[in-house]
Amino acid sequence: MSARGSQVVSPGRRLREAMAAGPVAVPGVFSPLVAKLAERIGFSAVYLSGGALSASLGLPDIGLVTLSEFVDEARRITRATNLPLLCDADTGFGEALSVERCVRLFEDAGVAGIHLEDQQLPKRCGHLSGKSLVDPSLMAAKIRAAVASRNDPDFLIIARTDARSVNGFDDAVTRAKVYLEAGADAIFPEALETADEFAEFARRVPVPLLANMTEFGKSPNLDAATLGAMGYRLVLFPLTAFRGAMKTAADVLLELHAKGHQRESVPKMMTRAELYELLGYTGYESRDRSYFGG
């Protein structure tokens, strides 16, 4: 963690400071090494997507991944990078009392904040059909539990509503206001369908907002500066790096299978020297030698 004088600045505080100076483009990272790469490139925060975590385990994003699996991966990422990590926490892994434990475990893992959604189980990707929603009062109870259970008041509690695709735009606005009254620090309106909807939502809910710029979904792919001008402070790119990596992996494997060699794919690869430099390999070697007096 960074320090200001003698006081340690929490991950939640660092994320809030980045938001205040934002808008913040937040890439999804699907491994600790990708988080290190994002930090090296210059991003201000990173994101653990439930969709990416599920896919990396060979599972669809329908609520099958457990709280412990989320928290374990989050802890690995926070150990690898100094960047504040925002985490997808699905529906909170249960009712209000389960949300208490959810928040405490994520906070103990060094996470800066989470977002909770108002879907019923089995949940769905926010840009797919077939979703159903809990009553707003049940979601509000989860938010109150989340706020009450955090130790760090800067740990960010973001309320996501999937209402746009289920009940329409106006219900998304209404639910957002209920969730803010329950104590949410920011609102994540999922699957808005036009740039005008993003602008109108920001006009009607003038609080810190999160926009999800996932590919192949219902939302237009807007840039962070455009969304920032509307009032959005966090802009997620949850699966961008994951999808790019998977496409490259598929291309390389297809070539290897077809030709029996990888020579034409080598230019697409990170070199050994680049990988070792990212890992800090020489630092490990030098420390190892020093322990033996070499």
C-alpha atoms as a PDB file:
ATOM      1  CA  MET A   1       0.000   0.000   0.000  1.00  0.00           C
ATOM      2  CA  SER A   2       1.050   3.594  -0.520  1.00  0.00           C
ATOM      3  CA  ALA A   3       1.661   5.816   2.460  1.00  0.00           C
ATOM      4  CA  ARG A   4       0.965   9.467   3.175  1.00  0.00           C
ATOM      5  CA  GLY A   5       3.204  10.506   6.025  1.00  0.00           C
ATOM      6  CA  SER A   6       2.788   7.831   8.662  1.00  0.00           C
ATOM      7  CA  GLN A   7      -0.710   6.895   7.571  1.00  0.00           C
ATOM      8  CA  VAL A   8      -1.340   4.002   5.203  1.00  0.00           C
ATOM      9  CA  VAL A   9      -3.831   4.879   2.485  1.00  0.00           C
ATOM     10  CA  SER A  10      -6.351   2.058   2.076  1.00  0.00           C
ATOM     11  CA  PRO A  11      -7.208   0.510  -1.297  1.00  0.00           C
ATOM     12  CA  GLY A  12     -10.692   1.980  -1.017  1.00  0.00           C
ATOM     13  CA  ARG A  13      -9.340   5.473  -0.435  1.00  0.00           C
ATOM     14  CA  ARG A  14      -6.966   5.145  -3.411  1.00  0.00           C
ATOM     15  CA  LEU A  15      -9.840   4.063  -5.646  1.00  0.00           C
ATOM     16  CA  ARG A  16     -11.984   6.960  -4.459  1.00  0.00           C
ATOM     17  CA  GLU A  17      -9.144   9.390  -5.125  1.00  0.00           C
ATOM     18  CA  ALA A  18      -8.724   7.978  -8.630  1.00  0.00           C
ATOM     19  CA  MET A  19     -12.472   8.358  -9.216  1.00  0.00           C
ATOM     20  CA  ALA A  20     -12.379  11.960  -8.039  1.00  0.00           C
ATOM     21  CA  ALA A  21      -9.669  12.689 -10.606  1.00  0.00           C
ATOM     22  CA  GLY A  22     -11.318  10.410 -13.201  1.00  0.00           C
ATOM     23  CA  PRO A  23     -12.949   9.141 -15.260  1.00  0.00           C
ATOM     24  CA  VAL A  24     -11.000   5.932 -14.637  1.00  0.00           C
ATOM     25  CA  ALA A  25     -10.720   3.277 -17.337  1.00  0.00           C
ATOM     26  CA  VAL A  26     -10.608  -0.002 -15.405  1.00  0.00           C
ATOM     27  CA  PRO A  27      -9.477  -3.112 -17.294  1.00  0.00           C
ATOM     28  CA  GLY A  28     -10.555  -6.555 -16.233  1.00  0.00           C
ATOM     29  CA  VAL A  29      -7.568  -8.689 -15.235  1.00  0.00           C
ATOM     30  CA  PHE A  30      -7.870 -12.452 -15.303  1.00  0.00           C
ATOM     31  CA  SER A  31      -4.633 -13.332 -13.509  1.00  0.00           C
ATOM     32  CA  PRO A  32      -2.126 -11.686 -11.162  1.00  0.00           C
ATOM     33  CA  LEU A  33       0.354 -11.400 -14.044  1.00  0.00           C
ATOM     34  CA  VAL A  34      -2.155  -9.475 -16.179  1.00  0.00           C
ATOM     35  CA  ALA A  35      -2.702  -7.171 -13.190  1.00  0.00           C
ATOM     36  CA  LYS A  36       1.052  -6.527 -13.073  1.00  0.00           C
ATOM     37  CA  LEU A  37       0.969  -5.758 -16.784  1.00  0.00           C
ATOM     38  CA  ALA A  38      -1.907  -3.293 -16.336  1.00  0.00           C
ATOM     39  CA  GLU A  39       0.039  -1.537 -13.600  1.00  0.00           C
ATOM     40  CA  ARG A  40       3.156  -1.402 -15.778  1.00  0.00           C
ATOM     41  CA  ILE A  41       1.161   0.130 -18.645  1.00  0.00           C
ATOM     42  CA  GLY A  42      -0.180   2.870 -16.377  1.00  0.00           C
ATOM     43  CA  PHE A  43      -3.769   2.055 -15.417  1.00  0.00           C
ATOM     44  CA  SER A  44      -5.034   3.487 -12.116  1.00  0.00           C
ATOM     45  CA  ALA A  45      -7.181   0.509 -11.032  1.00  0.00           C
ATOM     46  CA  VAL A  46      -8.056  -3.037 -12.078  1.00  0.00           C
ATOM     47  CA  TYR A  47     -11.173  -5.184 -11.984  1.00  0.00           C
ATOM     48  CA  LEU A  48     -11.941  -8.843 -11.294  1.00  0.00           C
ATOM     49  CA  SER A  49     -14.912  -9.831 -13.456  1.00  0.00           C
ATOM     50  CA  GLY A  50     -17.183 -12.693 -12.517  1.00  0.00           C
ATOM     51  CA  GLY A  51     -17.563 -13.436 -16.209  1.00  0.00           C
ATOM     52  CA  ALA A  52     -13.803 -13.721 -16.708  1.00  0.00           C
ATOM     53  CA  LEU A  53     -13.270 -15.729 -13.520  1.00  0.00           C
ATOM     54  CA  SER A  54     -16.058 -18.138 -14.451  1.00  0.00           C
ATOM     55  CA  ALA A  55     -14.736 -18.540 -17.991  1.00  0.00           C
ATOM     56  CA  SER A  56     -11.187 -19.120 -16.757  1.00  0.00           C
ATOM     57  CA  LEU A  57     -12.589 -22.038 -14.731  1.00  0.00           C
ATOM     58  CA  GLY A  58     -14.416 -23.374 -17.790  1.00  0.00           C
ATOM     59  CA  LEU A  59     -17.827 -22.297 -16.461  1.00  0.00           C
ATOM     60  CA  PRO A  60     -20.574 -19.966 -17.713  1.00  0.00           C
ATOM     61  CA  ASP A  61     -21.341 -16.823 -15.742  1.00  0.00           C
ATOM     62  CA  ILE A  62     -24.519 -18.046 -14.044  1.00  0.00           C
ATOM     63  CA  GLY A  63     -23.555 -17.839 -10.376  1.00  0.00           C
ATOM     64  CA  LEU A  64     -21.630 -21.119 -10.104  1.00  0.00           C
ATOM     65  CA  VAL A  65     -18.379 -19.633  -8.781  1.00  0.00           C
ATOM     66  CA  THR A  66     -18.244 -19.544  -4.987  1.00  0.00           C
ATOM     67  CA  LEU A  67     -17.365 -16.706  -2.651  1.00  0.00           C
ATOM     68  CA  SER A  68     -14.144 -18.434  -1.607  1.00  0.00           C
ATOM     69  CA  GLU A  69     -13.061 -18.812  -5.237  1.00  0.00           C
ATOM     70  CA  PHE A  70     -13.662 -15.109  -5.848  1.00  0.00           C
ATOM     71  CA  VAL A  71     -11.811 -14.073  -2.692  1.00  0.00           C
ATOM     72  CA  ASP A  72      -8.851 -16.388  -3.326  1.00  0.00           C
ATOM     73  CA  GLU A  73      -8.355 -14.943  -6.807  1.00  0.00           C
ATOM     74  CA  ALA A  74      -8.782 -11.406  -5.506  1.00  0.00           C
ATOM     75  CA  ARG A  75      -6.105 -12.002  -2.871  1.00  0.00           C
ATOM     76  CA  ARG A  76      -3.688 -13.312  -5.500  1.00  0.00           C
ATOM     77  CA  ILE A  77      -4.256 -10.183  -7.575  1.00  0.00           C
ATOM     78  CA  THR A  78      -3.858  -7.721  -4.689  1.00  0.00           C
ATOM     79  CA  ARG A  79      -0.576  -9.407  -3.757  1.00  0.00           C
ATOM     80  CA  ALA A  80       0.709  -8.938  -7.304  1.00  0.00           C
ATOM     81  CA  THR A  81      -0.127  -5.260  -7.803  1.00  0.00           C
ATOM     82  CA  ASN A  82      -0.341  -2.012  -5.886  1.00  0.00           C
ATOM     83  CA  LEU A  83      -3.347  -0.915  -7.927  1.00  0.00           C
ATOM     84  CA  PRO A  84      -6.739  -0.805  -6.171  1.00  0.00           C
ATOM     85  CA  LEU A  85      -8.864  -3.791  -7.185  1.00  0.00           C
ATOM     86  CA  LEU A  86     -12.619  -3.558  -7.730  1.00  0.00           C
ATOM     87  CA  CYS A  87     -14.413  -6.921  -7.601  1.00  0.00           C
ATOM     88  CA  ASP A  88     -17.602  -8.318  -8.986  1.00  0.00           C
ATOM     89  CA  ALA A  89     -19.468  -9.845  -6.041  1.00  0.00           C
ATOM     90  CA  ASP A  90     -22.459 -11.164  -8.009  1.00  0.00           C
ATOM     91  CA  THR A  91     -25.568 -11.130  -5.809  1.00  0.00           C
ATOM     92  CA  GLY A  92     -23.578 -11.152  -2.569  1.00  0.00           C
ATOM     93  CA  PHE A  93     -23.599 -14.971  -2.326  1.00  0.00           C
ATOM     94  CA  GLY A  94     -26.805 -15.073  -0.310  1.00  0.00           C
ATOM     95  CA  GLU A  95     -29.083 -12.808   1.663  1.00  0.00           C
ATOM     96  CA  ALA A  96     -28.120  -9.887   3.889  1.00  0.00           C
ATOM     97  CA  LEU A  97     -26.185 -11.873   6.505  1.00  0.00           C
ATOM     98  CA  SER A  98     -24.187 -13.587   3.760  1.00  0.00           C
ATOM     99  CA  VAL A  99     -23.371 -10.174   2.329  1.00  0.00           C
ATOM    100  CA  GLU A 100     -21.821  -9.218   5.676  1.00  0.00           C
ATOM    101  CA  ARG A 101     -19.355 -12.086   5.375  1.00  0.00           C
ATOM    102  CA  CYS A 102     -18.806 -11.371   1.688  1.00  0.00           C
ATOM    103  CA  VAL A 103     -17.708  -7.801   2.419  1.00  0.00           C
ATOM    104  CA  ARG A 104     -15.429  -8.798   5.280  1.00  0.00           C
ATOM    105  CA  LEU A 105     -13.665 -11.462   3.231  1.00  0.00           C
ATOM    106  CA  PHE A 106     -13.127  -9.182   0.239  1.00  0.00           C
ATOM    107  CA  GLU A 107     -11.885  -6.402   2.490  1.00  0.00           C
ATOM    108  CA  ASP A 108      -9.501  -8.789   4.269  1.00  0.00           C
ATOM    109  CA  ALA A 109      -8.168  -9.808   0.836  1.00  0.00           C
ATOM    110  CA  GLY A 110      -7.074  -6.219   0.166  1.00  0.00           C
ATOM    111  CA  VAL A 111      -9.865  -5.333  -2.265  1.00  0.00           C
ATOM    112  CA  ALA A 112     -10.854  -1.671  -2.751  1.00  0.00           C
ATOM    113  CA  GLY A 113     -14.563  -2.289  -3.290  1.00  0.00           C
ATOM    114  CA  ILE A 114     -17.249  -4.518  -4.743  1.00  0.00           C
ATOM    115  CA  HIS A 115     -20.423  -4.267  -6.742  1.00  0.00           C
ATOM    116  CA  LEU A 116     -23.596  -6.138  -5.840  1.00  0.00           C
ATOM    117  CA  GLU A 117     -26.416  -6.800  -8.309  1.00  0.00           C
ATOM    118  CA  ASP A 118     -30.166  -7.074  -7.948  1.00  0.00           C
ATOM    119  CA  GLN A 119     -30.671 -10.289  -9.915  1.00  0.00           C
ATOM    120  CA  GLN A 120     -32.254 -13.471  -8.650  1.00  0.00           C
ATOM    121  CA  LEU A 121     -30.431 -16.761  -8.899  1.00  0.00           C
ATOM    122  CA  PRO A 122     -29.694 -18.340 -11.247  1.00  0.00           C
ATOM    123  CA  LYS A 123     -28.157 -15.067 -12.406  1.00  0.00           C
ATOM    124  CA  ARG A 124     -27.201 -14.281 -15.992  1.00  0.00           C
ATOM    125  CA  CYS A 125     -24.612 -12.184 -17.747  1.00  0.00           C
ATOM    126  CA  GLY A 126     -25.942  -8.640 -17.667  1.00  0.00           C
ATOM    127  CA  HIS A 127     -26.154  -8.473 -21.459  1.00  0.00           C
ATOM    128  CA  LEU A 128     -28.126 -11.694 -21.939  1.00  0.00           C
ATOM    129  CA  SER A 129     -31.868 -12.271 -21.724  1.00  0.00           C
ATOM    130  CA  GLY A 130     -33.624 -14.451 -19.168  1.00  0.00           C
ATOM    131  CA  LYS A 131     -32.794 -12.390 -16.094  1.00  0.00           C
ATOM    132  CA  SER A 132     -35.134 -11.844 -13.168  1.00  0.00           C
ATOM    133  CA  LEU A 133     -34.828  -9.337 -10.350  1.00  0.00           C
ATOM    134  CA  VAL A 134     -35.256  -9.347  -6.598  1.00  0.00           C
ATOM    135  CA  ASP A 135     -37.610  -6.872  -4.982  1.00  0.00           C
ATOM    136  CA  PRO A 136     -35.836  -3.532  -4.434  1.00  0.00           C
ATOM    137  CA  SER A 137     -36.366  -3.847  -0.677  1.00  0.00           C
ATOM    138  CA  LEU A 138     -34.324  -7.076  -0.621  1.00  0.00           C
ATOM    139  CA  MET A 139     -31.497  -5.450  -2.529  1.00  0.00           C
ATOM    140  CA  ALA A 140     -31.624  -2.453  -0.198  1.00  0.00           C
ATOM    141  CA  ALA A 141     -31.236  -4.806   2.771  1.00  0.00           C
ATOM    142  CA  LYS A 142     -28.111  -6.285   1.185  1.00  0.00           C
ATOM    143  CA  ILE A 143     -26.671  -2.821   0.657  1.00  0.00           C
ATOM    144  CA  ARG A 144     -27.352  -1.842   4.269  1.00  0.00           C
ATOM    145  CA  ALA A 145     -25.634  -5.058   5.398  1.00  0.00           C
ATOM    146  CA  ALA A 146     -22.644  -4.355   3.157  1.00  0.00           C
ATOM    147  CA  VAL A 147     -22.245  -0.809   4.440  1.00  0.00           C
ATOM    148  CA  ALA A 148     -22.629  -1.860   8.084  1.00  0.00           C
ATOM    149  CA  SER A 149     -20.084  -4.663   7.851  1.00  0.00           C
ATOM    150  CA  ARG A 150     -17.134  -2.875   6.232  1.00  0.00           C
ATOM    151  CA  ASN A 151     -14.287  -1.912   8.542  1.00  0.00           C
ATOM    152  CA  ASP A 152     -12.891   0.749   6.226  1.00  0.00           C
ATOM    153  CA  PRO A 153     -15.488   3.439   5.478  1.00  0.00           C
ATOM    154  CA  ASP A 154     -13.698   4.003   2.160  1.00  0.00           C
ATOM    155  CA  PHE A 155     -14.332   0.426   1.000  1.00  0.00           C
ATOM    156  CA  LEU A 156     -16.564   1.064  -1.982  1.00  0.00           C
ATOM    157  CA  ILE A 157     -20.063  -0.429  -2.143  1.00  0.00           C
ATOM    158  CA  ILE A 158     -21.486  -0.134  -5.661  1.00  0.00           C
ATOM    159  CA  ALA A 159     -25.072  -1.143  -6.387  1.00  0.00           C
ATOM    160  CA  ARG A 160     -25.663  -2.637  -9.816  1.00  0.00           C
ATOM    161  CA  THR A 161     -29.153  -2.767 -11.251  1.00  0.00           C
ATOM    162  CA  ASP A 162     -30.092  -4.994 -14.179  1.00  0.00           C
ATOM    163  CA  ALA A 163     -33.548  -3.449 -14.414  1.00  0.00           C
ATOM    164  CA  ARG A 164     -33.066  -1.808 -17.826  1.00  0.00           C
ATOM    165  CA  SER A 165     -33.248  -5.161 -19.611  1.00  0.00           C
ATOM    166  CA  VAL A 166     -36.065  -6.539 -17.464  1.00  0.00           C
ATOM    167  CA  ASN A 167     -38.478  -3.752 -16.486  1.00  0.00           C
ATOM    168  CA  GLY A 168     -37.193  -0.826 -18.518  1.00  0.00           C
ATOM    169  CA  PHE A 169     -35.162   2.352 -18.087  1.00  0.00           C
ATOM    170  CA  ASP A 170     -37.449   4.109 -15.615  1.00  0.00           C
ATOM    171  CA  ASP A 171     -37.346   1.184 -13.200  1.00  0.00           C
ATOM    172  CA  ALA A 172     -33.544   1.238 -13.338  1.00  0.00           C
ATOM    173  CA  VAL A 173     -33.619   4.887 -12.288  1.00  0.00           C
ATOM    174  CA  THR A 174     -36.148   4.197  -9.515  1.00  0.00           C
ATOM    175  CA  ARG A 175     -34.137   1.277  -8.165  1.00  0.00           C
ATOM    176  CA  ALA A 176     -30.922   3.298  -8.251  1.00  0.00           C
ATOM    177  CA  LYS A 177     -32.473   5.905  -5.978  1.00  0.00           C
ATOM    178  CA  VAL A 178     -33.663   3.222  -3.533  1.00  0.00           C
ATOM    179  CA  TYR A 179     -30.171   1.729  -3.419  1.00  0.00           C
ATOM    180  CA  LEU A 180     -28.588   5.123  -2.811  1.00  0.00           C
ATOM    181  CA  GLU A 181     -30.950   5.715   0.102  1.00  0.00           C
ATOM    182  CA  ALA A 182     -29.818   2.357   1.515  1.00  0.00           C
ATOM    183  CA  GLY A 183     -26.219   3.618   1.528  1.00  0.00           C
ATOM    184  CA  ALA A 184     -24.641   2.646  -1.802  1.00  0.00           C
ATOM    185  CA  ASP A 185     -21.613   4.771  -2.682  1.00  0.00           C
ATOM    186  CA  ALA A 186     -22.130   4.538  -6.445  1.00  0.00           C
ATOM    187  CA  ILE A 187     -24.519   3.070  -9.006  1.00  0.00           C
ATOM    188  CA  PHE A 188     -23.831   0.656 -11.870  1.00  0.00           C
ATOM    189  CA  PRO A 189     -26.682   0.713 -14.422  1.00  0.00           C
ATOM    190  CA  GLU A 190     -26.124  -2.449 -16.437  1.00  0.00           C
ATOM    191  CA  ALA A 191     -26.900  -2.875 -20.135  1.00  0.00           C
ATOM    192  CA  LEU A 192     -28.050   0.608 -21.069  1.00  0.00           C
ATOM    193  CA  GLU A 193     -28.663   0.520 -24.785  1.00  0.00           C
ATOM    194  CA  THR A 194     -27.730   3.894 -26.272  1.00  0.00           C
ATOM    195  CA  ALA A 195     -25.427   6.822 -25.625  1.00  0.00           C
ATOM    196  CA  ASP A 196     -28.539   8.904 -24.932  1.00  0.00           C
ATOM    197  CA  GLU A 197     -29.572   6.442 -22.213  1.00  0.00           C
ATOM    198  CA  PHE A 198     -26.170   6.739 -20.541  1.00  0.00           C
ATOM    199  CA  ALA A 199     -26.481  10.532 -20.616  1.00  0.00           C
ATOM    200  CA  GLU A 200     -30.087  10.522 -19.378  1.00  0.00           C
ATOM    201  CA  PHE A 201     -29.301   8.116 -16.535  1.00  0.00           C
ATOM    202  CA  ALA A 202     -26.463  10.385 -15.397  1.00  0.00           C
ATOM    203  CA  ARG A 203     -28.811  13.384 -15.542  1.00  0.00           C
ATOM    204  CA  ARG A 204     -31.488  11.669 -13.444  1.00  0.00           C
ATOM    205  CA  VAL A 205     -29.081   9.979 -11.008  1.00  0.00           C
ATOM    206  CA  PRO A 206     -26.336  12.600 -10.440  1.00  0.00           C
ATOM    207  CA  VAL A 207     -24.049  10.514  -8.224  1.00  0.00           C
ATOM    208  CA  PRO A 208     -20.812   8.570  -8.882  1.00  0.00           C
ATOM    209  CA  LEU A 209     -21.658   6.139 -11.678  1.00  0.00           C
ATOM    210  CA  LEU A 210     -20.017   3.100 -13.244  1.00  0.00           C
ATOM    211  CA  ALA A 211     -20.350   2.215 -16.934  1.00  0.00           C
ATOM    212  CA  ASN A 212     -19.713  -1.263 -18.330  1.00  0.00           C
ATOM    213  CA  MET A 213     -18.122  -1.228 -21.793  1.00  0.00           C
ATOM    214  CA  THR A 214     -18.119  -4.946 -22.439  1.00  0.00           C
ATOM    215  CA  GLU A 215     -17.851  -6.071 -26.051  1.00  0.00           C
ATOM    216  CA  PHE A 216     -20.634  -7.841 -27.978  1.00  0.00           C
ATOM    217  CA  GLY A 217     -23.297  -6.646 -25.540  1.00  0.00           C
ATOM    218  CA  LYS A 218     -26.301  -4.338 -25.553  1.00  0.00           C
ATOM    219  CA  SER A 219     -24.381  -1.156 -24.791  1.00  0.00           C
ATOM    220  CA  PRO A 220     -22.522   0.913 -27.378  1.00  0.00           C
ATOM    221  CA  ASN A 221     -18.743   0.918 -26.913  1.00  0.00           C
ATOM    222  CA  LEU A 222     -18.146   4.494 -25.746  1.00  0.00           C
ATOM    223  CA  ASP A 223     -14.757   5.826 -24.691  1.00  0.00           C
ATOM    224  CA  ALA A 224     -13.905   6.790 -21.132  1.00  0.00           C
ATOM    225  CA  ALA A 225     -13.629  10.502 -21.908  1.00  0.00           C
ATOM    226  CA  THR A 226     -17.122  10.620 -23.413  1.00  0.00           C
ATOM    227  CA  LEU A 227     -18.612   8.789 -20.452  1.00  0.00           C
ATOM    228  CA  GLY A 228     -16.648  10.956 -18.042  1.00  0.00           C
ATOM    229  CA  ALA A 229     -18.164  14.071 -19.584  1.00  0.00           C
ATOM    230  CA  MET A 230     -21.605  12.593 -18.873  1.00  0.00           C
ATOM    231  CA  GLY A 231     -20.715  11.987 -15.211  1.00  0.00           C
ATOM    232  CA  TYR A 232     -19.420   8.408 -15.086  1.00  0.00           C
ATOM    233  CA  ARG A 233     -16.387   8.034 -12.826  1.00  0.00           C
ATOM    234  CA  LEU A 234     -15.502   4.352 -13.443  1.00  0.00           C
ATOM    235  CA  VAL A 235     -15.540   2.725 -16.882  1.00  0.00           C
ATOM    236  CA  LEU A 236     -15.133  -1.044 -16.875  1.00  0.00           C
ATOM    237  CA  PHE A 237     -13.600  -3.041 -19.710  1.00  0.00           C
ATOM    238  CA  PRO A 238     -14.235  -6.377 -17.978  1.00  0.00           C
ATOM    239  CA  LEU A 239     -13.352  -8.947 -20.641  1.00  0.00           C
ATOM    240  CA  THR A 240     -11.347  -6.940 -23.167  1.00  0.00           C
ATOM    241  CA  ALA A 241      -7.943  -8.411 -22.302  1.00  0.00           C
ATOM    242  CA  PHE A 242      -9.440 -11.861 -21.681  1.00  0.00           C
ATOM    243  CA  ARG A 243     -11.146 -12.004 -25.074  1.00  0.00           C
ATOM    244  CA  GLY A 244      -8.020 -10.742 -26.797  1.00  0.00           C
ATOM    245  CA  ALA A 245      -5.880 -13.351 -25.066  1.00  0.00           C
ATOM    246  CA  MET A 246      -8.311 -16.164 -25.867  1.00  0.00           C
ATOM    247  CA  LYS A 247      -8.460 -15.197 -29.554  1.00  0.00           C
ATOM    248  CA  THR A 248      -4.662 -15.146 -29.745  1.00  0.00           C
ATOM    249  CA  ALA A 249      -4.440 -18.496 -27.938  1.00  0.00           C
ATOM    250  CA  ALA A 250      -6.953 -20.013 -30.361  1.00  0.00           C
ATOM    251  CA  ASP A 251      -5.023 -18.703 -33.383  1.00  0.00           C
ATOM    252  CA  VAL A 252      -1.699 -19.998 -32.079  1.00  0.00           C
ATOM    253  CA  LEU A 253      -3.102 -23.426 -31.219  1.00  0.00           C
ATOM    254  CA  LEU A 254      -4.802 -23.730 -34.611  1.00  0.00           C
ATOM    255  CA  GLU A 255      -1.518 -22.996 -36.357  1.00  0.00           C
ATOM    256  CA  LEU A 256       0.379 -25.436 -34.152  1.00  0.00           C
ATOM    257  CA  HIS A 257      -2.200 -28.147 -34.800  1.00  0.00           C
ATOM    258  CA  ALA A 258      -2.247 -27.555 -38.552  1.00  0.00           C
ATOM    259  CA  LYS A 259       1.472 -27.080 -39.181  1.00  0.00           C
ATOM    260  CA  GLY A 260       3.215 -28.896 -36.353  1.00  0.00           C
ATOM    261  CA  HIS A 261       5.247 -25.809 -35.478  1.00  0.00           C
ATOM    262  CA  GLN A 262       4.749 -22.343 -33.970  1.00  0.00           C
ATOM    263  CA  ARG A 263       7.253 -20.345 -36.041  1.00  0.00           C
ATOM    264  CA  GLU A 264       4.729 -17.983 -37.649  1.00  0.00           C
ATOM    265  CA  SER A 265       3.124 -17.266 -34.271  1.00  0.00           C
ATOM    266  CA  VAL A 266       6.324 -16.212 -32.535  1.00  0.00           C
ATOM    267  CA  PRO A 267       5.910 -12.489 -33.472  1.00  0.00           C
ATOM    268  CA  LYS A 268       2.559 -12.500 -31.622  1.00  0.00           C
ATOM    269  CA  MET A 269       4.195 -13.661 -28.400  1.00  0.00           C
ATOM    270  CA  MET A 270       5.692 -11.853 -25.423  1.00  0.00           C
ATOM    271  CA  THR A 271       9.377 -12.735 -25.512  1.00  0.00           C
ATOM    272  CA  ARG A 272      11.148 -14.619 -22.750  1.00  0.00           C
ATOM    273  CA  ALA A 273      13.039 -11.434 -21.830  1.00  0.00           C
ATOM    274  CA  GLU A 274       9.813  -9.396 -21.698  1.00  0.00           C
ATOM    275  CA  LEU A 275       8.088 -11.991 -19.541  1.00  0.00           C
ATOM    276  CA  TYR A 276      11.028 -12.308 -17.141  1.00  0.00           C
ATOM    277  CA  GLU A 277      11.271  -8.533 -16.853  1.00  0.00           C
ATOM    278  CA  LEU A 278       7.549  -8.304 -15.983  1.00  0.00           C
ATOM    279  CA  LEU A 279       7.978 -11.037 -13.385  1.00  0.00           C
ATOM    280  CA  GLY A 280      11.038  -9.357 -11.861  1.00  0.00           C
ATOM    281  CA  TYR A 281      13.037 -12.518 -12.484  1.00  0.00           C
ATOM    282  CA  THR A 282      16.490 -10.952 -11.958  1.00  0.00           C
ATOM    283  CA  GLY A 283      15.414  -9.595  -8.599  1.00  0.00           C
ATOM    284  CA  TYR A 284      14.513 -13.104  -7.441  1.00  0.00           C
ATOM    285  CA  GLU A 285      17.883 -14.399  -8.650  1.00  0.00           C
ATOM    286  CA  SER A 286      19.877 -11.657  -6.948  1.00  0.00           C
ATOM    287  CA  ARG A 287      18.036 -12.077  -3.654  1.00  0.00           C
ATOM    288  CA  ASP A 288      18.537 -15.819  -3.775  1.00  0.00           C
ATOM    289  CA  ARG A 289      22.290 -15.368  -4.262  1.00  0.00           C
ATOM    290  CA  SER A 290      22.447 -12.853  -1.419  1.00  0.00           C
ATOM    291  CA  TYR A 291      20.903 -15.323   1.026  1.00  0.00           C
ATOM    292  CA  PHE A 292      23.788 -17.702   0.357  1.00  0.00           C
ATOM    293  CA  GLY A 293      26.375 -14.942   0.708  1.00  0.00           C
ATOM    294  CA  GLY A 294      27.035 -14.810  -3.052  1.00  0.00           C
END
